All heavy atoms as atom14 arrays in JSON, in Angstrom:
{
  "sequence": "NNLNTQWFPGGTRPFIFQEVIDLGGEAISASEYYGNGRVTEFKY",
  "atom14_mask": [
    [1, 1, 1, 1, 1, 1, 1, 1, 0, 0, 0, 0, 0, 0],
    [1, 1, 1, 1, 1, 1, 1, 1, 0, 0, 0, 0, 0, 0],
    [1, 1, 1, 1, 1, 1, 1, 1, 0, 0, 0, 0, 0, 0],
    [1, 1, 1, 1, 1, 1, 1, 1, 0, 0, 0, 0, 0, 0],
    [1, 1, 1, 1, 1, 1, 1, 0, 0, 0, 0, 0, 0, 0],
    [1, 1, 1, 1, 1, 1, 1, 1, 1, 0, 0, 0, 0, 0],
    [1, 1, 1, 1, 1, 1, 1, 1, 1, 1, 1, 1, 1, 1],
    [1, 1, 1, 1, 1, 1, 1, 1, 1, 1, 1, 0, 0, 0],
    [1, 1, 1, 1, 1, 1, 1, 0, 0, 0, 0, 0, 0, 0],
    [1, 1, 1, 1, 0, 0, 0, 0, 0, 0, 0, 0, 0, 0],
    [1, 1, 1, 1, 0, 0, 0, 0, 0, 0, 0, 0, 0, 0],
    [1, 1, 1, 1, 1, 1, 1, 0, 0, 0, 0, 0, 0, 0],
    [1, 1, 1, 1, 1, 1, 1, 1, 1, 1, 1, 0, 0, 0],
    [1, 1, 1, 1, 1, 1, 1, 0, 0, 0, 0, 0, 0, 0],
    [1, 1, 1, 1, 1, 1, 1, 1, 1, 1, 1, 0, 0, 0],
    [1, 1, 1, 1, 1, 1, 1, 1, 0, 0, 0, 0, 0, 0],
    [1, 1, 1, 1, 1, 1, 1, 1, 1, 1, 1, 0, 0, 0],
    [1, 1, 1, 1, 1, 1, 1, 1, 1, 0, 0, 0, 0, 0],
    [1, 1, 1, 1, 1, 1, 1, 1, 1, 0, 0, 0, 0, 0],
    [1, 1, 1, 1, 1, 1, 1, 0, 0, 0, 0, 0, 0, 0],
    [1, 1, 1, 1, 1, 1, 1, 1, 0, 0, 0, 0, 0, 0],
    [1, 1, 1, 1, 1, 1, 1, 1, 0, 0, 0, 0, 0, 0],
    [1, 1, 1, 1, 1, 1, 1, 1, 0, 0, 0, 0, 0, 0],
    [1, 1, 1, 1, 0, 0, 0, 0, 0, 0, 0, 0, 0, 0],
    [1, 1, 1, 1, 0, 0, 0, 0, 0, 0, 0, 0, 0, 0],
    [1, 1, 1, 1, 1, 1, 1, 1, 1, 0, 0, 0, 0, 0],
    [1, 1, 1, 1, 1, 0, 0, 0, 0, 0, 0, 0, 0, 0],
    [1, 1, 1, 1, 1, 1, 1, 1, 0, 0, 0, 0, 0, 0],
    [1, 1, 1, 1, 1, 1, 0, 0, 0, 0, 0, 0, 0, 0],
    [1, 1, 1, 1, 1, 0, 0, 0, 0, 0, 0, 0, 0, 0],
    [1, 1, 1, 1, 1, 1, 0, 0, 0, 0, 0, 0, 0, 0],
    [1, 1, 1, 1, 1, 1, 1, 1, 1, 0, 0, 0, 0, 0],
    [1, 1, 1, 1, 1, 1, 1, 1, 1, 1, 1, 1, 0, 0],
    [1, 1, 1, 1, 1, 1, 1, 1, 1, 1, 1, 1, 0, 0],
    [1, 1, 1, 1, 0, 0, 0, 0, 0, 0, 0, 0, 0, 0],
    [1, 1, 1, 1, 1, 1, 1, 1, 0, 0, 0, 0, 0, 0],
    [1, 1, 1, 1, 0, 0, 0, 0, 0, 0, 0, 0, 0, 0],
    [1, 1, 1, 1, 1, 1, 1, 1, 1, 1, 1, 0, 0, 0],
    [1, 1, 1, 1, 1, 1, 1, 0, 0, 0, 0, 0, 0, 0],
    [1, 1, 1, 1, 1, 1, 1, 0, 0, 0, 0, 0, 0, 0],
    [1, 1, 1, 1, 1, 1, 1, 1, 1, 0, 0, 0, 0, 0],
    [1, 1, 1, 1, 1, 1, 1, 1, 1, 1, 1, 0, 0, 0],
    [1, 1, 1, 1, 1, 1, 1, 1, 1, 0, 0, 0, 0, 0],
    [1, 1, 1, 1, 1, 1, 1, 1, 1, 1, 1, 1, 0, 0]
  ],
  "atom14_positions": [
    [[-6.64, 13.98, 17.53], [-7.54, 12.83, 17.94], [-7.73, 11.85, 16.83], [-7.51, 12.12, 15.71], [-8.86, 13.47, 18.43], [-8.73, 14.4, 19.6], [-7.84, 14.29, 20.44], [-9.62, 15.36, 19.65], [0.0, 0.0, 0.0], [0.0, 0.0, 0.0], [0.0, 0.0, 0.0], [0.0, 0.0, 0.0], [0.0, 0.0, 0.0], [0.0, 0.0, 0.0]],
    [[-8.23, 10.68, 17.26], [-8.69, 9.72, 16.28], [-9.95, 10.27, 15.61], [-10.66, 11.17, 16.13], [-9.0, 8.36, 16.91], [-7.75, 7.7, 17.44], [-6.65, 7.94, 16.93], [-7.91, 6.89, 18.52], [0.0, 0.0, 0.0], [0.0, 0.0, 0.0], [0.0, 0.0, 0.0], [0.0, 0.0, 0.0], [0.0, 0.0, 0.0], [0.0, 0.0, 0.0]],
    [[-10.3, 9.65, 14.48], [-11.47, 10.13, 13.75], [-12.78, 9.86, 14.5], [-12.82, 8.94, 15.39], [-11.54, 9.49, 12.39], [-10.37, 9.81, 11.43], [-10.6, 9.22, 10.05], [-10.12, 11.32, 11.32], [0.0, 0.0, 0.0], [0.0, 0.0, 0.0], [0.0, 0.0, 0.0], [0.0, 0.0, 0.0], [0.0, 0.0, 0.0], [0.0, 0.0, 0.0]],
    [[-13.81, 10.55, 14.18], [-15.1, 10.44, 14.84], [-15.73, 9.07, 14.63], [-15.93, 8.64, 13.45], [-16.04, 11.55, 14.29], [-17.36, 11.67, 15.07], [-17.89, 10.76, 15.5], [-17.77, 12.91, 15.18], [0.0, 0.0, 0.0], [0.0, 0.0, 0.0], [0.0, 0.0, 0.0], [0.0, 0.0, 0.0], [0.0, 0.0, 0.0], [0.0, 0.0, 0.0]],
    [[-15.99, 8.38, 15.73], [-16.49, 7.01, 15.65], [-17.95, 6.89, 15.19], [-18.47, 5.82, 14.98], [-16.36, 6.27, 16.99], [-17.03, 7.1, 18.01], [-14.88, 6.09, 17.38], [0.0, 0.0, 0.0], [0.0, 0.0, 0.0], [0.0, 0.0, 0.0], [0.0, 0.0, 0.0], [0.0, 0.0, 0.0], [0.0, 0.0, 0.0], [0.0, 0.0, 0.0]],
    [[-18.58, 8.02, 14.99], [-19.93, 8.02, 14.34], [-19.89, 7.5, 12.93], [-20.79, 6.87, 12.44], [-20.57, 9.45, 14.39], [-21.94, 9.49, 13.85], [-22.56, 10.83, 13.96], [-22.09, 11.7, 14.68], [-23.71, 11.05, 13.28], [0.0, 0.0, 0.0], [0.0, 0.0, 0.0], [0.0, 0.0, 0.0], [0.0, 0.0, 0.0], [0.0, 0.0, 0.0]],
    [[-18.67, 7.67, 12.27], [-18.53, 7.26, 10.88], [-17.33, 6.45, 10.59], [-17.21, 5.74, 9.59], [-18.46, 8.54, 9.98], [-19.68, 9.35, 10.01], [-20.87, 9.0, 9.45], [-19.88, 10.62, 10.62], [-21.8, 10.04, 9.65], [-21.2, 11.03, 10.42], [-18.98, 11.46, 11.35], [-21.68, 12.23, 10.85], [-19.48, 12.68, 11.82], [-20.8, 13.05, 11.56]],
    [[-16.35, 6.38, 11.57], [-15.14, 5.63, 11.33], [-14.86, 4.64, 12.48], [-15.3, 4.87, 13.58], [-13.97, 6.63, 11.3], [-14.12, 7.7, 10.21], [-14.6, 8.96, 10.54], [-13.79, 7.45, 8.87], [-14.74, 9.93, 9.58], [-13.91, 8.43, 7.96], [-14.43, 9.63, 8.28], [0.0, 0.0, 0.0], [0.0, 0.0, 0.0], [0.0, 0.0, 0.0]],
    [[-14.19, 3.5, 12.11], [-13.9, 2.51, 13.17], [-13.05, 3.21, 14.28], [-12.24, 4.03, 14.03], [-13.11, 1.44, 12.44], [-13.52, 1.63, 11.0], [-13.75, 3.06, 10.81], [0.0, 0.0, 0.0], [0.0, 0.0, 0.0], [0.0, 0.0, 0.0], [0.0, 0.0, 0.0], [0.0, 0.0, 0.0], [0.0, 0.0, 0.0], [0.0, 0.0, 0.0]],
    [[-13.21, 2.67, 15.49], [-12.41, 3.2, 16.63], [-10.94, 3.06, 16.35], [-10.49, 2.11, 15.84], [0.0, 0.0, 0.0], [0.0, 0.0, 0.0], [0.0, 0.0, 0.0], [0.0, 0.0, 0.0], [0.0, 0.0, 0.0], [0.0, 0.0, 0.0], [0.0, 0.0, 0.0], [0.0, 0.0, 0.0], [0.0, 0.0, 0.0], [0.0, 0.0, 0.0]],
    [[-10.21, 4.1, 16.76], [-8.74, 4.09, 16.58], [-8.26, 4.53, 15.19], [-7.05, 4.47, 14.91], [0.0, 0.0, 0.0], [0.0, 0.0, 0.0], [0.0, 0.0, 0.0], [0.0, 0.0, 0.0], [0.0, 0.0, 0.0], [0.0, 0.0, 0.0], [0.0, 0.0, 0.0], [0.0, 0.0, 0.0], [0.0, 0.0, 0.0], [0.0, 0.0, 0.0]],
    [[-9.14, 4.95, 14.32], [-8.79, 5.32, 12.95], [-8.09, 6.75, 13.04], [-8.67, 7.68, 13.51], [-9.99, 5.42, 12.01], [-10.68, 4.16, 11.98], [-9.53, 5.79, 10.58], [0.0, 0.0, 0.0], [0.0, 0.0, 0.0], [0.0, 0.0, 0.0], [0.0, 0.0, 0.0], [0.0, 0.0, 0.0], [0.0, 0.0, 0.0], [0.0, 0.0, 0.0]],
    [[-6.92, 6.8, 12.45], [-6.17, 8.09, 12.41], [-6.52, 8.9, 11.2], [-6.87, 8.33, 10.17], [-4.68, 7.82, 12.45], [-4.17, 7.08, 13.69], [-4.39, 7.87, 14.91], [-3.56, 9.11, 14.91], [-3.82, 10.17, 15.7], [-4.86, 10.23, 16.5], [-3.02, 11.24, 15.65], [0.0, 0.0, 0.0], [0.0, 0.0, 0.0], [0.0, 0.0, 0.0]],
    [[-6.44, 10.24, 11.29], [-6.68, 11.06, 10.08], [-5.64, 10.75, 9.01], [-4.5, 10.53, 9.31], [-6.57, 12.47, 10.6], [-5.85, 12.38, 11.95], [-6.14, 11.04, 12.46], [0.0, 0.0, 0.0], [0.0, 0.0, 0.0], [0.0, 0.0, 0.0], [0.0, 0.0, 0.0], [0.0, 0.0, 0.0], [0.0, 0.0, 0.0], [0.0, 0.0, 0.0]],
    [[-6.11, 10.75, 7.75], [-5.25, 10.57, 6.6], [-4.55, 11.94, 6.31], [-5.19, 13.02, 6.19], [-6.0, 10.15, 5.4], [-5.22, 9.98, 4.13], [-4.4, 8.88, 4.02], [-5.27, 10.91, 3.08], [-3.62, 8.67, 2.84], [-4.5, 10.7, 1.97], [-3.65, 9.57, 1.81], [0.0, 0.0, 0.0], [0.0, 0.0, 0.0], [0.0, 0.0, 0.0]],
    [[-3.24, 11.91, 6.26], [-2.43, 13.13, 6.09], [-1.68, 13.16, 4.79], [-1.03, 12.1, 4.47], [-1.37, 13.31, 7.23], [-2.14, 13.34, 8.61], [-0.6, 14.58, 7.03], [-3.11, 14.44, 8.81], [0.0, 0.0, 0.0], [0.0, 0.0, 0.0], [0.0, 0.0, 0.0], [0.0, 0.0, 0.0], [0.0, 0.0, 0.0], [0.0, 0.0, 0.0]],
    [[-1.74, 14.18, 4.01], [-0.8, 14.32, 2.9], [-0.33, 15.76, 2.86], [-1.03, 16.72, 3.21], [-1.36, 13.89, 1.55], [-2.61, 14.64, 1.04], [-2.51, 15.49, -0.02], [-3.84, 14.37, 1.58], [-3.64, 16.22, -0.5], [-4.98, 15.0, 1.11], [-4.86, 15.87, 0.05], [0.0, 0.0, 0.0], [0.0, 0.0, 0.0], [0.0, 0.0, 0.0]],
    [[0.97, 15.9, 2.57], [1.68, 17.15, 2.73], [2.08, 17.73, 1.38], [2.68, 16.96, 0.53], [2.94, 16.91, 3.56], [2.62, 16.32, 4.95], [3.82, 15.57, 5.49], [4.57, 16.14, 6.29], [4.02, 14.32, 5.11], [0.0, 0.0, 0.0], [0.0, 0.0, 0.0], [0.0, 0.0, 0.0], [0.0, 0.0, 0.0], [0.0, 0.0, 0.0]],
    [[1.88, 18.97, 1.16], [2.28, 19.67, -0.06], [3.76, 20.0, 0.03], [4.19, 20.91, 0.8], [1.51, 20.94, -0.34], [1.9, 21.58, -1.66], [1.63, 23.06, -1.73], [1.44, 23.69, -0.65], [1.55, 23.57, -2.85], [0.0, 0.0, 0.0], [0.0, 0.0, 0.0], [0.0, 0.0, 0.0], [0.0, 0.0, 0.0], [0.0, 0.0, 0.0]],
    [[4.61, 19.25, -0.66], [6.04, 19.5, -0.75], [6.41, 19.5, -2.22], [6.37, 18.47, -2.88], [6.85, 18.41, 0.03], [8.37, 18.74, -0.07], [6.43, 18.35, 1.5], [0.0, 0.0, 0.0], [0.0, 0.0, 0.0], [0.0, 0.0, 0.0], [0.0, 0.0, 0.0], [0.0, 0.0, 0.0], [0.0, 0.0, 0.0], [0.0, 0.0, 0.0]],
    [[6.78, 20.65, -2.73], [7.23, 20.75, -4.13], [8.77, 20.43, -4.14], [9.58, 21.2, -3.68], [6.97, 22.1, -4.71], [5.48, 22.41, -4.72], [7.5, 22.2, -6.18], [5.12, 23.81, -5.19], [0.0, 0.0, 0.0], [0.0, 0.0, 0.0], [0.0, 0.0, 0.0], [0.0, 0.0, 0.0], [0.0, 0.0, 0.0], [0.0, 0.0, 0.0]],
    [[9.02, 19.24, -4.68], [10.44, 18.8, -4.71], [10.68, 18.25, -6.18], [10.44, 17.16, -6.46], [10.72, 17.75, -3.67], [12.17, 17.12, -3.84], [12.99, 17.76, -4.5], [12.4, 16.08, -3.2], [0.0, 0.0, 0.0], [0.0, 0.0, 0.0], [0.0, 0.0, 0.0], [0.0, 0.0, 0.0], [0.0, 0.0, 0.0], [0.0, 0.0, 0.0]],
    [[11.2, 19.11, -7.01], [11.57, 18.75, -8.36], [13.08, 18.4, -8.5], [13.59, 18.13, -9.58], [11.27, 19.86, -9.38], [9.77, 20.19, -9.42], [9.53, 21.39, -10.41], [8.91, 19.09, -9.75], [0.0, 0.0, 0.0], [0.0, 0.0, 0.0], [0.0, 0.0, 0.0], [0.0, 0.0, 0.0], [0.0, 0.0, 0.0], [0.0, 0.0, 0.0]],
    [[13.76, 18.4, -7.33], [15.19, 18.16, -7.33], [15.93, 19.47, -7.41], [15.4, 20.5, -7.91], [0.0, 0.0, 0.0], [0.0, 0.0, 0.0], [0.0, 0.0, 0.0], [0.0, 0.0, 0.0], [0.0, 0.0, 0.0], [0.0, 0.0, 0.0], [0.0, 0.0, 0.0], [0.0, 0.0, 0.0], [0.0, 0.0, 0.0], [0.0, 0.0, 0.0]],
    [[17.15, 19.48, -6.89], [18.0, 20.65, -7.05], [17.85, 21.68, -5.95], [18.48, 22.77, -6.0], [0.0, 0.0, 0.0], [0.0, 0.0, 0.0], [0.0, 0.0, 0.0], [0.0, 0.0, 0.0], [0.0, 0.0, 0.0], [0.0, 0.0, 0.0], [0.0, 0.0, 0.0], [0.0, 0.0, 0.0], [0.0, 0.0, 0.0], [0.0, 0.0, 0.0]],
    [[17.04, 21.42, -4.94], [16.89, 22.32, -3.8], [17.37, 21.66, -2.52], [17.56, 20.43, -2.49], [15.41, 22.77, -3.66], [14.91, 23.64, -4.73], [13.47, 24.17, -4.5], [12.99, 23.93, -3.35], [12.88, 24.7, -5.37], [0.0, 0.0, 0.0], [0.0, 0.0, 0.0], [0.0, 0.0, 0.0], [0.0, 0.0, 0.0], [0.0, 0.0, 0.0]],
    [[17.54, 22.39, -1.47], [18.05, 21.92, -0.27], [17.07, 21.04, 0.53], [17.48, 20.19, 1.33], [18.48, 23.08, 0.65], [0.0, 0.0, 0.0], [0.0, 0.0, 0.0], [0.0, 0.0, 0.0], [0.0, 0.0, 0.0], [0.0, 0.0, 0.0], [0.0, 0.0, 0.0], [0.0, 0.0, 0.0], [0.0, 0.0, 0.0], [0.0, 0.0, 0.0]],
    [[15.77, 21.19, 0.28], [14.76, 20.46, 1.0], [14.27, 19.32, 0.12], [13.86, 19.52, -1.0], [13.57, 21.37, 1.42], [14.14, 22.37, 2.51], [12.46, 20.59, 2.03], [13.14, 23.42, 2.92], [0.0, 0.0, 0.0], [0.0, 0.0, 0.0], [0.0, 0.0, 0.0], [0.0, 0.0, 0.0], [0.0, 0.0, 0.0], [0.0, 0.0, 0.0]],
    [[14.17, 18.12, 0.75], [13.79, 16.96, 0.03], [12.41, 16.45, 0.56], [12.15, 16.53, 1.78], [14.82, 15.81, 0.17], [14.3, 14.6, -0.27], [0.0, 0.0, 0.0], [0.0, 0.0, 0.0], [0.0, 0.0, 0.0], [0.0, 0.0, 0.0], [0.0, 0.0, 0.0], [0.0, 0.0, 0.0], [0.0, 0.0, 0.0], [0.0, 0.0, 0.0]],
    [[11.61, 15.94, -0.33], [10.29, 15.37, 0.1], [10.51, 14.28, 1.12], [9.62, 14.08, 2.0], [9.56, 14.88, -1.15], [0.0, 0.0, 0.0], [0.0, 0.0, 0.0], [0.0, 0.0, 0.0], [0.0, 0.0, 0.0], [0.0, 0.0, 0.0], [0.0, 0.0, 0.0], [0.0, 0.0, 0.0], [0.0, 0.0, 0.0], [0.0, 0.0, 0.0]],
    [[11.62, 13.54, 1.03], [11.84, 12.38, 1.91], [11.85, 12.79, 3.37], [11.57, 11.96, 4.27], [13.12, 11.7, 1.52], [14.22, 12.53, 1.69], [0.0, 0.0, 0.0], [0.0, 0.0, 0.0], [0.0, 0.0, 0.0], [0.0, 0.0, 0.0], [0.0, 0.0, 0.0], [0.0, 0.0, 0.0], [0.0, 0.0, 0.0], [0.0, 0.0, 0.0]],
    [[12.16, 14.07, 3.69], [12.19, 14.51, 5.05], [10.82, 14.48, 5.67], [10.75, 14.5, 6.91], [12.71, 15.96, 5.1], [14.1, 16.11, 4.64], [14.56, 17.55, 4.59], [14.38, 18.25, 5.61], [15.06, 18.03, 3.54], [0.0, 0.0, 0.0], [0.0, 0.0, 0.0], [0.0, 0.0, 0.0], [0.0, 0.0, 0.0], [0.0, 0.0, 0.0]],
    [[9.77, 14.42, 4.91], [8.36, 14.45, 5.4], [7.68, 13.11, 5.42], [6.51, 12.99, 5.81], [7.61, 15.46, 4.56], [8.1, 16.85, 4.72], [9.18, 17.26, 3.9], [7.54, 17.71, 5.62], [9.7, 18.59, 4.1], [8.04, 19.04, 5.75], [9.1, 19.42, 5.01], [9.62, 20.72, 5.17], [0.0, 0.0, 0.0], [0.0, 0.0, 0.0]],
    [[8.37, 12.03, 5.01], [7.7, 10.73, 4.92], [7.14, 10.24, 6.26], [6.07, 9.6, 6.3], [8.71, 9.61, 4.41], [9.12, 9.75, 2.96], [10.25, 9.0, 2.51], [8.51, 10.6, 2.08], [10.62, 9.1, 1.16], [8.94, 10.68, 0.76], [10.0, 9.93, 0.35], [10.44, 10.01, -0.99], [0.0, 0.0, 0.0], [0.0, 0.0, 0.0]],
    [[7.81, 10.61, 7.36], [7.33, 10.13, 8.65], [6.03, 10.69, 9.08], [5.39, 10.2, 10.0], [0.0, 0.0, 0.0], [0.0, 0.0, 0.0], [0.0, 0.0, 0.0], [0.0, 0.0, 0.0], [0.0, 0.0, 0.0], [0.0, 0.0, 0.0], [0.0, 0.0, 0.0], [0.0, 0.0, 0.0], [0.0, 0.0, 0.0], [0.0, 0.0, 0.0]],
    [[5.58, 11.79, 8.41], [4.36, 12.47, 8.85], [3.13, 12.01, 8.05], [2.0, 12.34, 8.46], [4.48, 13.95, 8.63], [5.54, 14.54, 9.61], [5.64, 14.08, 10.73], [6.15, 15.6, 9.22], [0.0, 0.0, 0.0], [0.0, 0.0, 0.0], [0.0, 0.0, 0.0], [0.0, 0.0, 0.0], [0.0, 0.0, 0.0], [0.0, 0.0, 0.0]],
    [[3.28, 11.33, 6.88], [2.18, 10.98, 6.06], [2.63, 10.96, 4.6], [3.78, 11.04, 4.24], [0.0, 0.0, 0.0], [0.0, 0.0, 0.0], [0.0, 0.0, 0.0], [0.0, 0.0, 0.0], [0.0, 0.0, 0.0], [0.0, 0.0, 0.0], [0.0, 0.0, 0.0], [0.0, 0.0, 0.0], [0.0, 0.0, 0.0], [0.0, 0.0, 0.0]],
    [[1.62, 10.89, 3.71], [1.87, 10.91, 2.26], [2.45, 12.33, 1.91], [2.24, 13.28, 2.57], [0.57, 10.64, 1.52], [0.08, 9.23, 1.61], [0.54, 8.34, 0.52], [0.17, 6.96, 0.72], [0.34, 6.02, -0.19], [0.91, 6.29, -1.37], [-0.06, 4.77, 0.08], [0.0, 0.0, 0.0], [0.0, 0.0, 0.0], [0.0, 0.0, 0.0]],
    [[3.1, 12.32, 0.73], [3.72, 13.52, 0.22], [3.35, 13.71, -1.25], [3.27, 12.72, -2.01], [5.26, 13.54, 0.39], [5.87, 14.83, -0.06], [5.61, 13.28, 1.95], [0.0, 0.0, 0.0], [0.0, 0.0, 0.0], [0.0, 0.0, 0.0], [0.0, 0.0, 0.0], [0.0, 0.0, 0.0], [0.0, 0.0, 0.0], [0.0, 0.0, 0.0]],
    [[3.05, 14.91, -1.62], [2.75, 15.2, -3.03], [3.91, 14.98, -3.9], [5.02, 15.52, -3.64], [2.17, 16.68, -3.2], [3.19, 17.54, -2.62], [0.86, 16.85, -2.52], [0.0, 0.0, 0.0], [0.0, 0.0, 0.0], [0.0, 0.0, 0.0], [0.0, 0.0, 0.0], [0.0, 0.0, 0.0], [0.0, 0.0, 0.0], [0.0, 0.0, 0.0]],
    [[3.76, 14.21, -4.99], [4.84, 13.97, -5.96], [4.59, 14.86, -7.22], [3.85, 14.48, -8.1], [4.9, 12.51, -6.34], [5.93, 12.13, -7.37], [7.33, 12.65, -7.02], [7.63, 13.82, -7.35], [8.11, 11.82, -6.49], [0.0, 0.0, 0.0], [0.0, 0.0, 0.0], [0.0, 0.0, 0.0], [0.0, 0.0, 0.0], [0.0, 0.0, 0.0]],
    [[5.19, 16.07, -7.16], [4.92, 17.01, -8.21], [5.63, 16.65, -9.56], [5.22, 17.2, -10.58], [5.38, 18.42, -7.8], [4.31, 19.16, -6.98], [4.26, 19.02, -5.6], [3.44, 20.02, -7.61], [3.31, 19.66, -4.88], [2.49, 20.68, -6.85], [2.38, 20.52, -5.53], [0.0, 0.0, 0.0], [0.0, 0.0, 0.0], [0.0, 0.0, 0.0]],
    [[6.63, 15.78, -9.52], [7.27, 15.37, -10.75], [6.27, 14.56, -11.63], [6.44, 14.52, -12.82], [8.53, 14.57, -10.45], [9.65, 15.41, -9.81], [10.95, 14.64, -9.75], [10.97, 13.5, -8.75], [11.0, 14.02, -7.34], [0.0, 0.0, 0.0], [0.0, 0.0, 0.0], [0.0, 0.0, 0.0], [0.0, 0.0, 0.0], [0.0, 0.0, 0.0]],
    [[5.34, 13.96, -10.99], [4.39, 13.07, -11.66], [3.65, 13.74, -12.81], [3.73, 13.37, -13.97], [3.37, 12.48, -10.65], [2.54, 11.38, -11.13], [2.83, 10.05, -10.78], [1.41, 11.57, -11.96], [1.99, 8.99, -11.23], [0.61, 10.51, -12.34], [0.88, 9.23, -12.01], [0.14, 8.19, -12.49], [0.0, 0.0, 0.0], [0.0, 0.0, 0.0]]
  ]
}
């Protein structure tokens, strides 16, 4: 659902960030998850 309008503007979507450990060299890439929200950048 959209966020509770008691505190947020109507139509506000939940902020999503996904824990994906991608230091390179593995079969799974962080880029596969971009469409769902922010992604943790563990190299940082």
